[in-house]
Amino acid sequence: MSEEVTRILTLCPSTPRGIRDRAILLLLVRLGLRAGDVAALRMSDICFQAGSITVLGKGSREVRLPLPQDVGDALLEYLRAGRPRVESDYVFLRSIAPFGPFGGFRPGSAVKYIAQIALRRAGIQRRRRGAHVFRHTAACQMLLADVGLEAIAEVLRHRSIETTGIYAKVDLHLLEQVAQPWPEEASC
């Protein structure tokens, strides 16, 4: 994990809100989830025994992803020590009463706000300052670990490999894999 990500996670306070935010940030940076995916996450989507998490993303596409140990540990810590004791199937709840799922027109906005606060707290300046920074970081970390573009596209739930190819610009070696040969010129 990059030094910046480590700093962001380390600076999450050990309060119930901080424990929640750390679990959210880990889902963003390790699994590349979208803000809306995190806000919509239900208890029934997590299977600790199988070490997997089911995400319903864009276009109502359901995908089962592996649950990395550090993410699972952070989720368990949140469920045990950070989550308010209320009846709700949503995993992540507001930290101020009335306790309930992130509401409003766009529930993912709360997750974006959590990401913005975490970046600001760590003193990290980016042109884009929301949850997507963490999704991009997840893709870049997979690239650096020599994960193929097809596998990254599957984790990020991209419909097209071209969308995932955007992340290849950070690695010249991987650019060679997606670059198209220059067409031959027809002779006159």
N, C-alpha and C. Protein backbone atom coordinates (compact mmCIF):
# COMPACT_ATOMS: atom_id res chain seq x y z
N MET A 1 0.85 -1.18 0.00
CA MET A 1 0.00 0.00 0.00
C MET A 1 0.89 1.23 0.00
N SER A 2 0.47 2.27 -0.69
CA SER A 2 1.29 3.46 -0.80
C SER A 2 1.39 4.17 0.55
N GLU A 3 2.43 4.99 0.68
CA GLU A 3 2.62 5.75 1.91
C GLU A 3 1.44 6.67 2.19
N GLU A 4 0.90 7.29 1.14
CA GLU A 4 -0.23 8.20 1.33
C GLU A 4 -1.45 7.46 1.87
N VAL A 5 -1.74 6.28 1.31
CA VAL A 5 -2.89 5.51 1.77
C VAL A 5 -2.67 5.08 3.21
N THR A 6 -1.47 4.64 3.54
CA THR A 6 -1.16 4.25 4.92
C THR A 6 -1.38 5.43 5.86
N ARG A 7 -0.92 6.62 5.46
CA ARG A 7 -1.10 7.81 6.30
C ARG A 7 -2.58 8.13 6.49
N ILE A 8 -3.35 8.05 5.41
CA ILE A 8 -4.79 8.32 5.49
C ILE A 8 -5.46 7.39 6.47
N LEU A 9 -5.15 6.10 6.37
CA LEU A 9 -5.78 5.10 7.24
C LEU A 9 -5.32 5.24 8.69
N THR A 10 -4.05 5.56 8.88
CA THR A 10 -3.50 5.72 10.23
C THR A 10 -4.12 6.92 10.94
N LEU A 11 -4.47 7.95 10.18
CA LEU A 11 -5.02 9.17 10.78
C LEU A 11 -6.51 9.10 11.08
N CYS A 12 -7.14 7.97 10.77
CA CYS A 12 -8.55 7.82 11.15
C CYS A 12 -8.60 7.68 12.67
N PRO A 13 -9.39 8.51 13.33
CA PRO A 13 -9.44 8.43 14.80
C PRO A 13 -10.01 7.09 15.28
N SER A 14 -9.75 6.77 16.53
CA SER A 14 -10.25 5.51 17.08
C SER A 14 -11.63 5.67 17.70
N THR A 15 -12.37 6.66 17.27
CA THR A 15 -13.75 6.87 17.68
C THR A 15 -14.66 5.97 16.85
N PRO A 16 -15.92 5.80 17.25
CA PRO A 16 -16.83 5.01 16.40
C PRO A 16 -16.90 5.53 14.97
N ARG A 17 -16.94 6.85 14.80
CA ARG A 17 -16.97 7.42 13.44
C ARG A 17 -15.68 7.11 12.69
N GLY A 18 -14.55 7.23 13.36
CA GLY A 18 -13.26 6.94 12.73
C GLY A 18 -13.12 5.49 12.33
N ILE A 19 -13.64 4.59 13.18
CA ILE A 19 -13.61 3.16 12.87
C ILE A 19 -14.47 2.88 11.62
N ARG A 20 -15.63 3.53 11.56
CA ARG A 20 -16.50 3.39 10.37
C ARG A 20 -15.80 3.92 9.13
N ASP A 21 -15.23 5.11 9.25
CA ASP A 21 -14.58 5.73 8.10
C ASP A 21 -13.40 4.91 7.59
N ARG A 22 -12.64 4.32 8.50
CA ARG A 22 -11.50 3.48 8.09
C ARG A 22 -11.99 2.27 7.30
N ALA A 23 -13.07 1.64 7.74
CA ALA A 23 -13.62 0.49 7.01
C ALA A 23 -14.10 0.92 5.62
N ILE A 24 -14.74 2.06 5.55
CA ILE A 24 -15.20 2.59 4.26
C ILE A 24 -14.02 2.86 3.33
N LEU A 25 -13.00 3.51 3.85
CA LEU A 25 -11.83 3.85 3.03
C LEU A 25 -11.12 2.59 2.54
N LEU A 26 -11.06 1.57 3.37
CA LEU A 26 -10.44 0.31 2.94
C LEU A 26 -11.24 -0.35 1.82
N LEU A 27 -12.56 -0.29 1.90
CA LEU A 27 -13.38 -0.84 0.80
C LEU A 27 -13.11 -0.08 -0.50
N LEU A 28 -12.94 1.21 -0.39
CA LEU A 28 -12.68 2.03 -1.58
C LEU A 28 -11.31 1.73 -2.18
N VAL A 29 -10.28 1.67 -1.33
CA VAL A 29 -8.92 1.57 -1.85
C VAL A 29 -8.48 0.13 -2.13
N ARG A 30 -9.05 -0.85 -1.45
CA ARG A 30 -8.62 -2.23 -1.69
C ARG A 30 -9.48 -2.94 -2.72
N LEU A 31 -10.78 -2.58 -2.80
CA LEU A 31 -11.66 -3.24 -3.75
C LEU A 31 -12.10 -2.32 -4.88
N GLY A 32 -11.74 -1.05 -4.80
CA GLY A 32 -12.10 -0.12 -5.87
C GLY A 32 -13.60 0.10 -5.98
N LEU A 33 -14.32 -0.01 -4.86
CA LEU A 33 -15.76 0.19 -4.91
C LEU A 33 -16.10 1.65 -5.18
N ARG A 34 -17.24 1.87 -5.78
CA ARG A 34 -17.77 3.22 -5.98
C ARG A 34 -18.43 3.68 -4.68
N ALA A 35 -18.54 4.98 -4.51
CA ALA A 35 -19.15 5.53 -3.30
C ALA A 35 -20.56 4.98 -3.11
N GLY A 36 -21.33 4.91 -4.17
CA GLY A 36 -22.69 4.39 -4.09
C GLY A 36 -22.74 2.92 -3.71
N ASP A 37 -21.72 2.15 -4.15
CA ASP A 37 -21.64 0.73 -3.78
C ASP A 37 -21.49 0.58 -2.27
N VAL A 38 -20.62 1.41 -1.69
CA VAL A 38 -20.36 1.34 -0.25
C VAL A 38 -21.61 1.75 0.53
N ALA A 39 -22.25 2.83 0.11
CA ALA A 39 -23.45 3.32 0.81
C ALA A 39 -24.57 2.29 0.76
N ALA A 40 -24.66 1.53 -0.32
CA ALA A 40 -25.75 0.56 -0.50
C ALA A 40 -25.44 -0.81 0.09
N LEU A 41 -24.25 -1.01 0.63
CA LEU A 41 -23.83 -2.31 1.13
C LEU A 41 -24.74 -2.78 2.28
N ARG A 42 -25.20 -4.03 2.17
CA ARG A 42 -26.09 -4.63 3.18
C ARG A 42 -25.34 -5.73 3.93
N MET A 43 -25.82 -6.04 5.10
CA MET A 43 -25.21 -7.10 5.91
C MET A 43 -25.19 -8.42 5.13
N SER A 44 -26.25 -8.68 4.40
CA SER A 44 -26.35 -9.93 3.64
C SER A 44 -25.36 -9.98 2.47
N ASP A 45 -24.71 -8.88 2.15
CA ASP A 45 -23.74 -8.84 1.05
C ASP A 45 -22.36 -9.34 1.48
N ILE A 46 -22.15 -9.46 2.79
CA ILE A 46 -20.84 -9.84 3.31
C ILE A 46 -20.91 -11.28 3.82
N CYS A 47 -19.97 -12.09 3.34
CA CYS A 47 -19.88 -13.48 3.82
C CYS A 47 -18.47 -13.67 4.39
N PHE A 48 -18.37 -13.54 5.70
CA PHE A 48 -17.06 -13.67 6.35
C PHE A 48 -16.53 -15.10 6.23
N GLN A 49 -17.41 -16.10 6.27
CA GLN A 49 -16.97 -17.50 6.18
C GLN A 49 -16.31 -17.77 4.83
N ALA A 50 -16.90 -17.28 3.76
CA ALA A 50 -16.35 -17.50 2.42
C ALA A 50 -15.30 -16.44 2.06
N GLY A 51 -15.21 -15.38 2.87
CA GLY A 51 -14.26 -14.31 2.58
C GLY A 51 -14.62 -13.58 1.30
N SER A 52 -15.91 -13.24 1.18
CA SER A 52 -16.35 -12.56 -0.04
C SER A 52 -17.36 -11.47 0.28
N ILE A 53 -17.52 -10.62 -0.69
CA ILE A 53 -18.48 -9.52 -0.58
C ILE A 53 -19.19 -9.41 -1.93
N THR A 54 -20.49 -9.24 -1.88
CA THR A 54 -21.27 -9.12 -3.11
C THR A 54 -21.65 -7.65 -3.29
N VAL A 55 -21.39 -7.16 -4.49
CA VAL A 55 -21.64 -5.76 -4.79
C VAL A 55 -22.62 -5.67 -5.95
N LEU A 56 -23.60 -4.85 -5.79
CA LEU A 56 -24.56 -4.57 -6.85
C LEU A 56 -24.21 -3.20 -7.40
N GLY A 57 -23.59 -3.17 -8.56
CA GLY A 57 -23.10 -1.91 -9.11
C GLY A 57 -23.99 -1.35 -10.18
N LYS A 58 -23.38 -0.57 -11.06
CA LYS A 58 -24.10 0.06 -12.16
C LYS A 58 -24.81 -1.00 -12.99
N GLY A 59 -25.98 -0.66 -13.47
CA GLY A 59 -26.73 -1.58 -14.31
C GLY A 59 -27.22 -2.80 -13.56
N SER A 60 -27.28 -2.71 -12.24
CA SER A 60 -27.74 -3.81 -11.38
C SER A 60 -26.95 -5.09 -11.59
N ARG A 61 -25.68 -4.94 -11.95
CA ARG A 61 -24.81 -6.11 -12.12
C ARG A 61 -24.29 -6.54 -10.76
N GLU A 62 -24.56 -7.79 -10.41
CA GLU A 62 -24.11 -8.33 -9.13
C GLU A 62 -22.79 -9.05 -9.34
N VAL A 63 -21.80 -8.70 -8.50
CA VAL A 63 -20.48 -9.29 -8.60
C VAL A 63 -20.02 -9.70 -7.21
N ARG A 64 -19.47 -10.90 -7.11
CA ARG A 64 -18.89 -11.36 -5.84
C ARG A 64 -17.39 -11.14 -5.92
N LEU A 65 -16.87 -10.42 -4.92
CA LEU A 65 -15.45 -10.10 -4.86
C LEU A 65 -14.83 -10.74 -3.63
N PRO A 66 -13.54 -11.07 -3.71
CA PRO A 66 -12.87 -11.59 -2.51
C PRO A 66 -12.75 -10.47 -1.47
N LEU A 67 -12.86 -10.84 -0.22
CA LEU A 67 -12.77 -9.89 0.89
C LEU A 67 -11.36 -9.99 1.48
N PRO A 68 -10.49 -9.01 1.17
CA PRO A 68 -9.14 -9.07 1.73
C PRO A 68 -9.18 -9.07 3.26
N GLN A 69 -8.18 -9.68 3.87
CA GLN A 69 -8.15 -9.82 5.33
C GLN A 69 -8.25 -8.48 6.05
N ASP A 70 -7.48 -7.48 5.58
CA ASP A 70 -7.50 -6.19 6.27
C ASP A 70 -8.86 -5.50 6.18
N VAL A 71 -9.54 -5.68 5.06
CA VAL A 71 -10.87 -5.11 4.90
C VAL A 71 -11.87 -5.83 5.80
N GLY A 72 -11.80 -7.16 5.82
CA GLY A 72 -12.66 -7.94 6.70
C GLY A 72 -12.45 -7.60 8.16
N ASP A 73 -11.19 -7.43 8.56
CA ASP A 73 -10.88 -7.06 9.94
C ASP A 73 -11.47 -5.68 10.28
N ALA A 74 -11.34 -4.74 9.36
CA ALA A 74 -11.88 -3.39 9.60
C ALA A 74 -13.41 -3.42 9.68
N LEU A 75 -14.04 -4.23 8.83
CA LEU A 75 -15.50 -4.35 8.89
C LEU A 75 -15.94 -4.96 10.22
N LEU A 76 -15.25 -6.01 10.67
CA LEU A 76 -15.58 -6.63 11.95
C LEU A 76 -15.40 -5.65 13.10
N GLU A 77 -14.33 -4.88 13.07
CA GLU A 77 -14.10 -3.89 14.12
C GLU A 77 -15.24 -2.86 14.14
N TYR A 78 -15.65 -2.42 12.96
CA TYR A 78 -16.76 -1.47 12.89
C TYR A 78 -18.05 -2.08 13.42
N LEU A 79 -18.35 -3.31 13.02
CA LEU A 79 -19.58 -3.95 13.47
C LEU A 79 -19.58 -4.18 14.98
N ARG A 80 -18.42 -4.44 15.55
CA ARG A 80 -18.33 -4.71 17.00
C ARG A 80 -18.23 -3.43 17.83
N ALA A 81 -17.46 -2.45 17.36
CA ALA A 81 -17.13 -1.31 18.22
C ALA A 81 -17.54 0.05 17.68
N GLY A 82 -17.96 0.13 16.44
CA GLY A 82 -18.24 1.44 15.88
C GLY A 82 -19.66 1.66 15.41
N ARG A 83 -20.35 0.60 15.10
CA ARG A 83 -21.69 0.72 14.52
C ARG A 83 -22.74 0.90 15.61
N PRO A 84 -23.61 1.89 15.46
CA PRO A 84 -24.69 2.04 16.44
C PRO A 84 -25.55 0.78 16.50
N ARG A 85 -26.08 0.49 17.65
CA ARG A 85 -26.91 -0.72 17.85
C ARG A 85 -28.35 -0.41 17.47
N VAL A 86 -28.61 -0.47 16.18
CA VAL A 86 -29.97 -0.24 15.66
C VAL A 86 -30.30 -1.33 14.65
N GLU A 87 -31.57 -1.54 14.45
CA GLU A 87 -32.03 -2.52 13.48
C GLU A 87 -31.95 -1.91 12.08
N SER A 88 -31.00 -2.37 11.31
CA SER A 88 -30.87 -1.94 9.92
C SER A 88 -30.00 -2.96 9.21
N ASP A 89 -30.39 -3.31 7.99
CA ASP A 89 -29.61 -4.24 7.20
C ASP A 89 -28.44 -3.54 6.51
N TYR A 90 -28.45 -2.20 6.47
CA TYR A 90 -27.34 -1.48 5.88
C TYR A 90 -26.12 -1.61 6.77
N VAL A 91 -24.97 -1.80 6.16
CA VAL A 91 -23.74 -1.95 6.94
C VAL A 91 -23.36 -0.61 7.55
N PHE A 92 -23.29 0.42 6.73
CA PHE A 92 -22.81 1.71 7.21
C PHE A 92 -23.97 2.64 7.54
N LEU A 93 -23.88 3.21 8.74
CA LEU A 93 -24.93 4.08 9.25
C LEU A 93 -24.34 5.44 9.61
N ARG A 94 -25.23 6.43 9.65
CA ARG A 94 -24.82 7.76 10.11
C ARG A 94 -24.31 7.63 11.54
N SER A 95 -23.36 8.46 11.89
CA SER A 95 -22.77 8.38 13.24
C SER A 95 -23.46 9.33 14.22
N ILE A 96 -24.42 10.10 13.75
CA ILE A 96 -25.17 11.03 14.59
C ILE A 96 -26.64 10.65 14.50
N ALA A 97 -27.32 10.68 15.65
CA ALA A 97 -28.75 10.34 15.68
C ALA A 97 -29.54 11.30 14.80
N PRO A 98 -30.57 10.83 14.15
CA PRO A 98 -31.08 9.46 14.18
C PRO A 98 -30.20 8.54 13.34
N PHE A 99 -29.81 7.44 13.95
CA PHE A 99 -28.93 6.48 13.29
C PHE A 99 -29.71 5.76 12.20
N GLY A 100 -29.15 5.72 11.03
CA GLY A 100 -29.78 5.05 9.91
C GLY A 100 -28.82 5.08 8.74
N PRO A 101 -29.23 4.48 7.62
CA PRO A 101 -28.35 4.46 6.45
C PRO A 101 -28.13 5.87 5.92
N PHE A 102 -27.06 6.02 5.16
CA PHE A 102 -26.80 7.30 4.51
C PHE A 102 -27.99 7.59 3.62
N GLY A 103 -28.64 8.70 3.83
CA GLY A 103 -29.86 8.99 3.10
C GLY A 103 -29.66 10.07 2.06
N GLY A 104 -30.78 10.63 1.66
CA GLY A 104 -30.76 11.69 0.68
C GLY A 104 -30.91 11.18 -0.73
N PHE A 105 -30.86 12.10 -1.64
CA PHE A 105 -31.02 11.79 -3.06
C PHE A 105 -29.90 10.89 -3.56
N ARG A 106 -28.68 11.17 -3.11
CA ARG A 106 -27.51 10.39 -3.53
C ARG A 106 -26.77 9.91 -2.28
N PRO A 107 -27.07 8.71 -1.79
CA PRO A 107 -26.43 8.23 -0.58
C PRO A 107 -24.91 8.16 -0.67
N GLY A 108 -24.38 7.98 -1.89
CA GLY A 108 -22.93 7.94 -2.07
C GLY A 108 -22.25 9.24 -1.73
N SER A 109 -23.00 10.33 -1.66
CA SER A 109 -22.42 11.63 -1.32
C SER A 109 -21.79 11.61 0.07
N ALA A 110 -22.38 10.86 0.99
CA ALA A 110 -21.81 10.76 2.33
C ALA A 110 -20.44 10.08 2.28
N VAL A 111 -20.32 9.06 1.44
CA VAL A 111 -19.05 8.36 1.29
C VAL A 111 -18.02 9.27 0.64
N LYS A 112 -18.43 10.04 -0.35
CA LYS A 112 -17.52 11.01 -0.98
C LYS A 112 -17.02 12.02 0.05
N TYR A 113 -17.92 12.46 0.92
CA TYR A 113 -17.55 13.42 1.95
C TYR A 113 -16.54 12.80 2.92
N ILE A 114 -16.75 11.56 3.31
CA ILE A 114 -15.82 10.86 4.19
C ILE A 114 -14.44 10.79 3.54
N ALA A 115 -14.40 10.51 2.24
CA ALA A 115 -13.12 10.45 1.51
C ALA A 115 -12.46 11.83 1.46
N GLN A 116 -13.24 12.87 1.21
CA GLN A 116 -12.69 14.23 1.18
C GLN A 116 -12.07 14.62 2.52
N ILE A 117 -12.78 14.32 3.59
CA ILE A 117 -12.28 14.65 4.93
C ILE A 117 -10.99 13.88 5.22
N ALA A 118 -10.93 12.62 4.84
CA ALA A 118 -9.74 11.80 5.08
C ALA A 118 -8.54 12.35 4.31
N LEU A 119 -8.75 12.75 3.07
CA LEU A 119 -7.66 13.33 2.27
C LEU A 119 -7.18 14.64 2.89
N ARG A 120 -8.12 15.46 3.30
CA ARG A 120 -7.77 16.75 3.90
C ARG A 120 -7.01 16.55 5.22
N ARG A 121 -7.49 15.61 6.04
CA ARG A 121 -6.85 15.33 7.34
C ARG A 121 -5.40 14.88 7.14
N ALA A 122 -5.13 14.13 6.06
CA ALA A 122 -3.78 13.64 5.78
C ALA A 122 -2.94 14.66 5.02
N GLY A 123 -3.54 15.80 4.68
CA GLY A 123 -2.79 16.85 3.97
C GLY A 123 -2.48 16.50 2.53
N ILE A 124 -3.33 15.69 1.91
CA ILE A 124 -3.10 15.25 0.54
C ILE A 124 -3.95 16.09 -0.40
N GLN A 125 -3.28 16.72 -1.34
CA GLN A 125 -3.94 17.57 -2.33
C GLN A 125 -4.04 16.82 -3.64
N ARG A 126 -5.24 16.72 -4.16
CA ARG A 126 -5.49 16.10 -5.45
C ARG A 126 -6.46 16.99 -6.22
N ARG A 127 -6.38 16.92 -7.53
CA ARG A 127 -7.33 17.66 -8.34
C ARG A 127 -8.74 17.14 -8.09
N ARG A 128 -8.88 15.83 -8.08
CA ARG A 128 -10.16 15.20 -7.70
C ARG A 128 -10.04 14.84 -6.24
N ARG A 129 -11.07 15.14 -5.45
CA ARG A 129 -10.93 14.97 -4.01
C ARG A 129 -11.98 14.05 -3.39
N GLY A 130 -12.61 13.22 -4.15
CA GLY A 130 -13.65 12.38 -3.59
C GLY A 130 -13.24 10.93 -3.50
N ALA A 131 -14.23 10.08 -3.42
CA ALA A 131 -14.02 8.64 -3.28
C ALA A 131 -13.35 8.05 -4.52
N HIS A 132 -13.52 8.69 -5.67
CA HIS A 132 -12.95 8.14 -6.89
C HIS A 132 -11.42 8.10 -6.85
N VAL A 133 -10.82 8.98 -6.06
CA VAL A 133 -9.36 8.96 -5.90
C VAL A 133 -8.93 7.58 -5.38
N PHE A 134 -9.69 7.04 -4.46
CA PHE A 134 -9.35 5.74 -3.88
C PHE A 134 -9.58 4.61 -4.88
N ARG A 135 -10.60 4.73 -5.70
CA ARG A 135 -10.86 3.74 -6.75
C ARG A 135 -9.71 3.74 -7.75
N HIS A 136 -9.27 4.91 -8.12
CA HIS A 136 -8.15 5.05 -9.04
C HIS A 136 -6.88 4.46 -8.41
N THR A 137 -6.68 4.73 -7.12
CA THR A 137 -5.52 4.19 -6.41
C THR A 137 -5.57 2.67 -6.41
N ALA A 138 -6.75 2.09 -6.19
CA ALA A 138 -6.89 0.64 -6.21
C ALA A 138 -6.46 0.08 -7.56
N ALA A 139 -6.91 0.71 -8.63
CA ALA A 139 -6.54 0.25 -9.97
C ALA A 139 -5.04 0.36 -10.20
N CYS A 140 -4.46 1.46 -9.77
CA CYS A 140 -3.02 1.66 -9.94
C CYS A 140 -2.22 0.63 -9.14
N GLN A 141 -2.68 0.33 -7.93
CA GLN A 141 -1.98 -0.68 -7.11
C GLN A 141 -2.06 -2.06 -7.76
N MET A 142 -3.19 -2.36 -8.38
CA MET A 142 -3.30 -3.65 -9.08
C MET A 142 -2.36 -3.68 -10.28
N LEU A 143 -2.27 -2.55 -10.99
CA LEU A 143 -1.35 -2.48 -12.13
C LEU A 143 0.08 -2.71 -11.68
N LEU A 144 0.47 -2.06 -10.59
CA LEU A 144 1.84 -2.19 -10.08
C LEU A 144 2.12 -3.61 -9.60
N ALA A 145 1.09 -4.35 -9.23
CA ALA A 145 1.24 -5.74 -8.80
C ALA A 145 1.15 -6.69 -10.00
N ASP A 146 1.21 -6.16 -11.21
CA ASP A 146 1.17 -6.94 -12.45
C ASP A 146 -0.13 -7.71 -12.65
N VAL A 147 -1.22 -7.18 -12.16
CA VAL A 147 -2.54 -7.75 -12.43
C VAL A 147 -2.93 -7.29 -13.83
N GLY A 148 -3.44 -8.20 -14.63
CA GLY A 148 -3.82 -7.86 -16.01
C GLY A 148 -5.02 -6.94 -16.08
N LEU A 149 -5.14 -6.24 -17.20
CA LEU A 149 -6.24 -5.28 -17.37
C LEU A 149 -7.60 -5.96 -17.32
N GLU A 150 -7.68 -7.20 -17.83
CA GLU A 150 -8.96 -7.90 -17.79
C GLU A 150 -9.41 -8.16 -16.36
N ALA A 151 -8.47 -8.57 -15.51
CA ALA A 151 -8.78 -8.84 -14.10
C ALA A 151 -9.15 -7.54 -13.38
N ILE A 152 -8.45 -6.47 -13.68
CA ILE A 152 -8.76 -5.17 -13.07
C ILE A 152 -10.15 -4.72 -13.50
N ALA A 153 -10.46 -4.91 -14.77
CA ALA A 153 -11.79 -4.54 -15.28
C ALA A 153 -12.88 -5.32 -14.56
N GLU A 154 -12.59 -6.59 -14.25
CA GLU A 154 -13.58 -7.42 -13.55
C GLU A 154 -13.80 -6.91 -12.13
N VAL A 155 -12.70 -6.59 -11.42
CA VAL A 155 -12.82 -6.09 -10.04
C VAL A 155 -13.54 -4.75 -10.02
N LEU A 156 -13.18 -3.86 -10.95
CA LEU A 156 -13.80 -2.53 -10.97
C LEU A 156 -15.18 -2.54 -11.63
N ARG A 157 -15.54 -3.68 -12.20
CA ARG A 157 -16.84 -3.87 -12.84
C ARG A 157 -17.03 -2.90 -14.02
N HIS A 158 -15.97 -2.79 -14.82
CA HIS A 158 -16.08 -2.00 -16.05
C HIS A 158 -16.69 -2.87 -17.13
N ARG A 159 -17.55 -2.30 -17.91
CA ARG A 159 -18.17 -3.06 -19.01
C ARG A 159 -17.22 -3.20 -20.19
N SER A 160 -16.29 -2.26 -20.29
CA SER A 160 -15.39 -2.25 -21.44
C SER A 160 -13.95 -2.19 -20.96
N ILE A 161 -13.08 -2.96 -21.60
CA ILE A 161 -11.65 -2.94 -21.27
C ILE A 161 -11.04 -1.57 -21.58
N GLU A 162 -11.65 -0.84 -22.52
CA GLU A 162 -11.15 0.49 -22.85
C GLU A 162 -11.25 1.43 -21.65
N THR A 163 -12.30 1.27 -20.87
CA THR A 163 -12.44 2.10 -19.67
C THR A 163 -11.31 1.80 -18.70
N THR A 164 -10.98 0.54 -18.54
CA THR A 164 -9.89 0.16 -17.64
C THR A 164 -8.56 0.61 -18.21
N GLY A 165 -8.45 0.68 -19.53
CA GLY A 165 -7.21 1.12 -20.17
C GLY A 165 -6.78 2.51 -19.75
N ILE A 166 -7.71 3.31 -19.26
CA ILE A 166 -7.37 4.66 -18.77
C ILE A 166 -6.31 4.56 -17.68
N TYR A 167 -6.40 3.53 -16.86
CA TYR A 167 -5.47 3.36 -15.75
C TYR A 167 -4.09 2.92 -16.23
N ALA A 168 -4.00 2.39 -17.44
CA ALA A 168 -2.71 1.91 -17.95
C ALA A 168 -1.75 3.04 -18.24
N LYS A 169 -2.25 4.26 -18.35
CA LYS A 169 -1.36 5.38 -18.66
C LYS A 169 -0.33 5.62 -17.57
N VAL A 170 -0.54 5.06 -16.38
CA VAL A 170 0.43 5.24 -15.31
C VAL A 170 1.61 4.28 -15.44
N ASP A 171 1.53 3.32 -16.35
CA ASP A 171 2.57 2.31 -16.48
C ASP A 171 2.88 2.10 -17.97
N LEU A 172 4.05 2.53 -18.40
CA LEU A 172 4.41 2.44 -19.82
C LEU A 172 4.45 1.00 -20.30
N HIS A 173 4.88 0.08 -19.46
CA HIS A 173 4.90 -1.34 -19.84
C HIS A 173 3.49 -1.82 -20.18
N LEU A 174 2.52 -1.44 -19.37
CA LEU A 174 1.14 -1.85 -19.63
C LEU A 174 0.54 -1.11 -20.81
N LEU A 175 1.03 0.09 -21.08
CA LEU A 175 0.55 0.82 -22.25
C LEU A 175 0.86 0.03 -23.52
N GLU A 176 2.01 -0.64 -23.52
CA GLU A 176 2.37 -1.45 -24.68
C GLU A 176 1.33 -2.54 -24.93
N GLN A 177 0.70 -3.05 -23.87
CA GLN A 177 -0.30 -4.11 -24.01
C GLN A 177 -1.59 -3.61 -24.66
N VAL A 178 -1.93 -2.33 -24.44
CA VAL A 178 -3.20 -1.83 -24.97
C VAL A 178 -3.03 -0.95 -26.20
N ALA A 179 -1.78 -0.59 -26.54
CA ALA A 179 -1.55 0.27 -27.69
C ALA A 179 -1.83 -0.49 -28.99
N GLN A 180 -2.47 0.18 -29.90
CA GLN A 180 -2.76 -0.40 -31.21
C GLN A 180 -1.61 -0.08 -32.16
N PRO A 181 -1.25 -1.02 -33.02
CA PRO A 181 -0.18 -0.72 -33.99
C PRO A 181 -0.63 0.36 -34.96
N TRP A 182 0.35 1.15 -35.42
CA TRP A 182 0.07 2.21 -36.38
C TRP A 182 -0.29 1.58 -37.71
N PRO A 183 -1.40 2.01 -38.32
CA PRO A 183 -1.78 1.39 -39.58
C PRO A 183 -0.75 1.67 -40.68
N GLU A 184 -0.55 0.68 -41.54
CA GLU A 184 0.38 0.84 -42.66
C GLU A 184 -0.17 1.88 -43.62
N GLU A 185 0.74 2.68 -44.18
CA GLU A 185 0.30 3.66 -45.19
C GLU A 185 0.19 2.96 -46.52
N ALA A 186 -0.89 3.27 -47.19
CA ALA A 186 -1.06 2.72 -48.53
C ALA A 186 -0.13 3.48 -49.48
N SER A 187 0.53 2.76 -50.37
CA SER A 187 1.42 3.43 -51.32
C SER A 187 0.59 4.13 -52.39
N CYS A 188 1.13 5.22 -52.92
CA CYS A 188 0.41 6.01 -53.93
C CYS A 188 0.47 5.40 -55.29
